[in-house]
PDB file of N, CA and C in Angstrom:
ATOM      1  N   MET A   1      14.013  -0.102  22.314  1.00  0.00           N
ATOM      2  CA  MET A   1      13.922   0.256  20.908  1.00  0.00           C
ATOM      3  C   MET A   1      12.898  -0.662  20.237  1.00  0.00           C
ATOM      4  N   ALA A   2      12.033  -0.087  19.456  1.00  0.00           N
ATOM      5  CA  ALA A   2      11.004  -0.865  18.755  1.00  0.00           C
ATOM      6  C   ALA A   2      11.616  -1.607  17.577  1.00  0.00           C
ATOM      7  N   ARG A   3      11.138  -2.823  17.358  1.00  0.00           N
ATOM      8  CA  ARG A   3      11.599  -3.620  16.220  1.00  0.00           C
ATOM      9  C   ARG A   3      10.743  -3.293  15.015  1.00  0.00           C
ATOM     10  N   ARG A   4      11.357  -3.125  13.870  1.00  0.00           N
ATOM     11  CA  ARG A   4      10.617  -2.873  12.633  1.00  0.00           C
ATOM     12  C   ARG A   4       9.994  -4.164  12.149  1.00  0.00           C
ATOM     13  N   GLY A   5       8.758  -4.080  11.720  1.00  0.00           N
ATOM     14  CA  GLY A   5       8.077  -5.252  11.185  1.00  0.00           C
ATOM     15  C   GLY A   5       8.498  -5.530   9.764  1.00  0.00           C
ATOM     16  N   ILE A   6       8.195  -6.720   9.315  1.00  0.00           N
ATOM     17  CA  ILE A   6       8.444  -7.118   7.932  1.00  0.00           C
ATOM     18  C   ILE A   6       7.136  -7.615   7.366  1.00  0.00           C
ATOM     19  N   ARG A   7       6.783  -7.110   6.230  1.00  0.00           N
ATOM     20  CA  ARG A   7       5.515  -7.481   5.625  1.00  0.00           C
ATOM     21  C   ARG A   7       5.749  -7.831   4.168  1.00  0.00           C
ATOM     22  N   GLY A   8       5.201  -8.933   3.717  1.00  0.00           N
ATOM     23  CA  GLY A   8       5.248  -9.310   2.308  1.00  0.00           C
ATOM     24  C   GLY A   8       3.856  -9.150   1.721  1.00  0.00           C
ATOM     25  N   VAL A   9       3.716  -8.273   0.764  1.00  0.00           N
ATOM     26  CA  VAL A   9       2.401  -7.979   0.189  1.00  0.00           C
ATOM     27  C   VAL A   9       2.520  -7.739  -1.305  1.00  0.00           C
ATOM     28  N   ASP A  10       1.410  -7.773  -2.003  1.00  0.00           N
ATOM     29  CA  ASP A  10       1.398  -7.461  -3.423  1.00  0.00           C
ATOM     30  C   ASP A  10       0.648  -6.173  -3.728  1.00  0.00           C
ATOM     31  N   ALA A  11      -0.398  -5.866  -2.998  1.00  0.00           N
ATOM     32  CA  ALA A  11      -1.240  -4.709  -3.301  1.00  0.00           C
ATOM     33  C   ALA A  11      -0.531  -3.406  -2.942  1.00  0.00           C
ATOM     34  N   PRO A  12      -0.613  -2.402  -3.818  1.00  0.00           N
ATOM     35  CA  PRO A  12       0.007  -1.101  -3.514  1.00  0.00           C
ATOM     36  C   PRO A  12      -0.502  -0.498  -2.201  1.00  0.00           C
ATOM     37  N   SER A  13      -1.782  -0.703  -1.885  1.00  0.00           N
ATOM     38  CA  SER A  13      -2.313  -0.159  -0.629  1.00  0.00           C
ATOM     39  C   SER A  13      -1.652  -0.820   0.581  1.00  0.00           C
ATOM     40  N   GLY A  14      -1.340  -2.100   0.481  1.00  0.00           N
ATOM     41  CA  GLY A  14      -0.648  -2.793   1.556  1.00  0.00           C
ATOM     42  C   GLY A  14       0.780  -2.301   1.725  1.00  0.00           C
ATOM     43  N   VAL A  15       1.448  -2.022   0.606  1.00  0.00           N
ATOM     44  CA  VAL A  15       2.804  -1.474   0.662  1.00  0.00           C
ATOM     45  C   VAL A  15       2.777  -0.121   1.353  1.00  0.00           C
ATOM     46  N   ARG A  16       1.861   0.738   0.947  1.00  0.00           N
ATOM     47  CA  ARG A  16       1.762   2.070   1.569  1.00  0.00           C
ATOM     48  C   ARG A  16       1.476   1.970   3.062  1.00  0.00           C
ATOM     49  N   SER A  17       0.584   1.080   3.445  1.00  0.00           N
ATOM     50  CA  SER A  17       0.251   0.911   4.863  1.00  0.00           C
ATOM     51  C   SER A  17       1.458   0.421   5.656  1.00  0.00           C
ATOM     52  N   GLY A  18       2.159  -0.555   5.110  1.00  0.00           N
ATOM     53  CA  GLY A  18       3.346  -1.065   5.781  1.00  0.00           C
ATOM     54  C   GLY A  18       4.427  -0.012   5.928  1.00  0.00           C
ATOM     55  N   LEU A  19       4.660   0.752   4.879  1.00  0.00           N
ATOM     56  CA  LEU A  19       5.670   1.808   4.942  1.00  0.00           C
ATOM     57  C   LEU A  19       5.283   2.868   5.963  1.00  0.00           C
ATOM     58  N   ALA A  20       4.008   3.238   6.002  1.00  0.00           N
ATOM     59  CA  ALA A  20       3.530   4.239   6.955  1.00  0.00           C
ATOM     60  C   ALA A  20       3.712   3.754   8.394  1.00  0.00           C
ATOM     61  N   ALA A  21       3.663   2.446   8.602  1.00  0.00           N
ATOM     62  CA  ALA A  21       3.842   1.862   9.930  1.00  0.00           C
ATOM     63  C   ALA A  21       5.317   1.628  10.267  1.00  0.00           C
ATOM     64  N   GLY A  22       6.221   1.966   9.345  1.00  0.00           N
ATOM     65  CA  GLY A  22       7.649   1.803   9.585  1.00  0.00           C
ATOM     66  C   GLY A  22       8.172   0.406   9.307  1.00  0.00           C
ATOM     67  N   MET A  23       7.426  -0.375   8.539  1.00  0.00           N
ATOM     68  CA  MET A  23       7.824  -1.748   8.249  1.00  0.00           C
ATOM     69  C   MET A  23       8.738  -1.832   7.034  1.00  0.00           C
ATOM     70  N   THR A  24       9.518  -2.899   6.988  1.00  0.00           N
ATOM     71  CA  THR A  24      10.242  -3.267   5.782  1.00  0.00           C
ATOM     72  C   THR A  24       9.250  -4.042   4.931  1.00  0.00           C
ATOM     73  N   VAL A  25       9.055  -3.627   3.681  1.00  0.00           N
ATOM     74  CA  VAL A  25       8.005  -4.211   2.842  1.00  0.00           C
ATOM     75  C   VAL A  25       8.613  -4.908   1.637  1.00  0.00           C
ATOM     76  N   ARG A  26       8.157  -6.133   1.407  1.00  0.00           N
ATOM     77  CA  ARG A  26       8.585  -6.901   0.243  1.00  0.00           C
ATOM     78  C   ARG A  26       7.366  -7.267  -0.572  1.00  0.00           C
ATOM     79  N   SER A  27       7.479  -7.147  -1.882  1.00  0.00           N
ATOM     80  CA  SER A  27       6.383  -7.618  -2.742  1.00  0.00           C
ATOM     81  C   SER A  27       6.723  -9.039  -3.184  1.00  0.00           C
ATOM     82  N   VAL A  28       5.713  -9.916  -3.186  1.00  0.00           N
ATOM     83  CA  VAL A  28       5.912 -11.338  -3.458  1.00  0.00           C
ATOM     84  C   VAL A  28       4.790 -11.832  -4.362  1.00  0.00           C
ATOM     85  N   ASN A  29       5.108 -12.800  -5.217  1.00  0.00           N
ATOM     86  CA  ASN A  29       4.123 -13.475  -6.088  1.00  0.00           C
ATOM     87  C   ASN A  29       3.527 -12.563  -7.149  1.00  0.00           C
ATOM     88  N   GLY A  30       4.311 -11.690  -7.694  1.00  0.00           N
ATOM     89  CA  GLY A  30       3.843 -10.842  -8.782  1.00  0.00           C
ATOM     90  C   GLY A  30       4.921 -10.708  -9.832  1.00  0.00           C
ATOM     91  N   PRO A  31       4.539 -10.321 -11.038  1.00  0.00           N
ATOM     92  CA  PRO A  31       5.531 -10.216 -12.105  1.00  0.00           C
ATOM     93  C   PRO A  31       6.476  -9.033 -11.938  1.00  0.00           C
ATOM     94  N   GLU A  32       6.019  -7.977 -11.257  1.00  0.00           N
ATOM     95  CA  GLU A  32       6.843  -6.773 -11.092  1.00  0.00           C
ATOM     96  C   GLU A  32       6.795  -6.300  -9.652  1.00  0.00           C
ATOM     97  N   GLN A  33       7.824  -5.552  -9.257  1.00  0.00           N
ATOM     98  CA  GLN A  33       7.868  -4.989  -7.910  1.00  0.00           C
ATOM     99  C   GLN A  33       6.799  -3.919  -7.767  1.00  0.00           C
ATOM    100  N   VAL A  34       6.092  -3.949  -6.651  1.00  0.00           N
ATOM    101  CA  VAL A  34       5.129  -2.893  -6.343  1.00  0.00           C
ATOM    102  C   VAL A  34       5.926  -1.654  -5.969  1.00  0.00           C
ATOM    103  N   ALA A  35       5.521  -0.499  -6.457  1.00  0.00           N
ATOM    104  CA  ALA A  35       6.230   0.753  -6.198  1.00  0.00           C
ATOM    105  C   ALA A  35       6.475   0.941  -4.707  1.00  0.00           C
ATOM    106  N   CYS A  36       7.669   1.325  -4.354  1.00  0.00           N
ATOM    107  CA  CYS A  36       8.122   1.644  -2.995  1.00  0.00           C
ATOM    108  C   CYS A  36       8.431   0.431  -2.125  1.00  0.00           C
ATOM    109  N   ALA A  37       8.168  -0.786  -2.587  1.00  0.00           N
ATOM    110  CA  ALA A  37       8.544  -1.973  -1.804  1.00  0.00           C
ATOM    111  C   ALA A  37      10.065  -2.028  -1.738  1.00  0.00           C
ATOM    112  N   HIS A  38      10.590  -2.484  -0.619  1.00  0.00           N
ATOM    113  CA  HIS A  38      12.036  -2.542  -0.448  1.00  0.00           C
ATOM    114  C   HIS A  38      12.696  -3.615  -1.303  1.00  0.00           C
ATOM    115  N   ARG A  39      11.964  -4.700  -1.542  1.00  0.00           N
ATOM    116  CA  ARG A  39      12.522  -5.808  -2.326  1.00  0.00           C
ATOM    117  C   ARG A  39      11.383  -6.583  -2.967  1.00  0.00           C
ATOM    118  N   HIS A  40      11.659  -7.234  -4.093  1.00  0.00           N
ATOM    119  CA  HIS A  40      10.639  -7.996  -4.798  1.00  0.00           C
ATOM    120  C   HIS A  40      11.104  -9.425  -5.034  1.00  0.00           C
ATOM    121  N   PHE A  41      10.180 -10.369  -4.862  1.00  0.00           N
ATOM    122  CA  PHE A  41      10.412 -11.773  -5.185  1.00  0.00           C
ATOM    123  C   PHE A  41       9.285 -12.227  -6.093  1.00  0.00           C
ATOM    124  N   ALA A  42       9.613 -12.859  -7.186  1.00  0.00           N
ATOM    125  CA  ALA A  42       8.595 -13.298  -8.142  1.00  0.00           C
ATOM    126  C   ALA A  42       7.737 -14.433  -7.590  1.00  0.00           C
ATOM    127  N   THR A  43       8.310 -15.267  -6.711  1.00  0.00           N
ATOM    128  CA  THR A  43       7.561 -16.390  -6.147  1.00  0.00           C
ATOM    129  C   THR A  43       7.818 -16.470  -4.645  1.00  0.00           C
ATOM    130  N   LEU A  44       6.904 -17.126  -3.949  1.00  0.00           N
ATOM    131  CA  LEU A  44       7.083 -17.338  -2.517  1.00  0.00           C
ATOM    132  C   LEU A  44       8.280 -18.249  -2.260  1.00  0.00           C
ATOM    133  N   ALA A  45       8.490 -19.224  -3.134  1.00  0.00           N
ATOM    134  CA  ALA A  45       9.639 -20.120  -2.991  1.00  0.00           C
ATOM    135  C   ALA A  45      10.958 -19.349  -3.066  1.00  0.00           C
ATOM    136  N   GLU A  46      11.009 -18.344  -3.916  1.00  0.00           N
ATOM    137  CA  GLU A  46      12.208 -17.507  -4.022  1.00  0.00           C
ATOM    138  C   GLU A  46      12.383 -16.661  -2.761  1.00  0.00           C
ATOM    139  N   ALA A  47      11.293 -16.190  -2.191  1.00  0.00           N
ATOM    140  CA  ALA A  47      11.347 -15.305  -1.027  1.00  0.00           C
ATOM    141  C   ALA A  47      11.668 -16.032   0.272  1.00  0.00           C
ATOM    142  N   ALA A  48      11.199 -17.262   0.414  1.00  0.00           N
ATOM    143  CA  ALA A  48      11.274 -17.977   1.694  1.00  0.00           C
ATOM    144  C   ALA A  48      12.659 -17.992   2.336  1.00  0.00           C
ATOM    145  N   PRO A  49      13.728 -18.356   1.627  1.00  0.00           N
ATOM    146  CA  PRO A  49      15.035 -18.395   2.298  1.00  0.00           C
ATOM    147  C   PRO A  49      15.483 -17.028   2.805  1.00  0.00           C
ATOM    148  N   HIS A  50      15.091 -15.978   2.128  1.00  0.00           N
ATOM    149  CA  HIS A  50      15.495 -14.627   2.533  1.00  0.00           C
ATOM    150  C   HIS A  50      14.673 -14.131   3.715  1.00  0.00           C
ATOM    151  N   ILE A  51      13.391 -14.433   3.708  1.00  0.00           N
ATOM    152  CA  ILE A  51      12.521 -13.990   4.783  1.00  0.00           C
ATOM    153  C   ILE A  51      12.809 -14.797   6.045  1.00  0.00           C
ATOM    154  N   LEU A  52      12.975 -16.106   5.904  1.00  0.00           N
ATOM    155  CA  LEU A  52      13.242 -16.961   7.066  1.00  0.00           C
ATOM    156  C   LEU A  52      14.615 -16.720   7.644  1.00  0.00           C
ATOM    157  N   ALA A  53      15.539 -16.195   6.852  1.00  0.00           N
ATOM    158  CA  ALA A  53      16.891 -15.936   7.332  1.00  0.00           C
ATOM    159  C   ALA A  53      17.006 -14.587   8.045  1.00  0.00           C
ATOM    160  N   THR A  54      15.922 -13.808   8.079  1.00  0.00           N
ATOM    161  CA  THR A  54      15.953 -12.497   8.706  1.00  0.00           C
ATOM    162  C   THR A  54      16.039 -12.645  10.211  1.00  0.00           C
ATOM    163  N   PRO A  55      17.035 -12.022  10.853  1.00  0.00           N
ATOM    164  CA  PRO A  55      17.144 -12.113  12.319  1.00  0.00           C
ATOM    165  C   PRO A  55      15.935 -11.485  12.998  1.00  0.00           C
ATOM    166  N   VAL A  56      15.553 -12.049  14.116  1.00  0.00           N
ATOM    167  CA  VAL A  56      14.409 -11.527  14.877  1.00  0.00           C
ATOM    168  C   VAL A  56      14.882 -10.546  15.899  1.00  0.00           C
TER     169      VAL A  56
END
């Protein structure tokens, strides 16, 4: 079984590309969530514990 990738991006084009590839997409370092991203973090410091805690 293939493992789904995880990508943290801000640009809408990056979100679309990640979703098309079957990745879980998070927007980071922006004031608002990028449309269609699975989750949003305003800062990298806020995101780090959640991203690093993701099982491989």
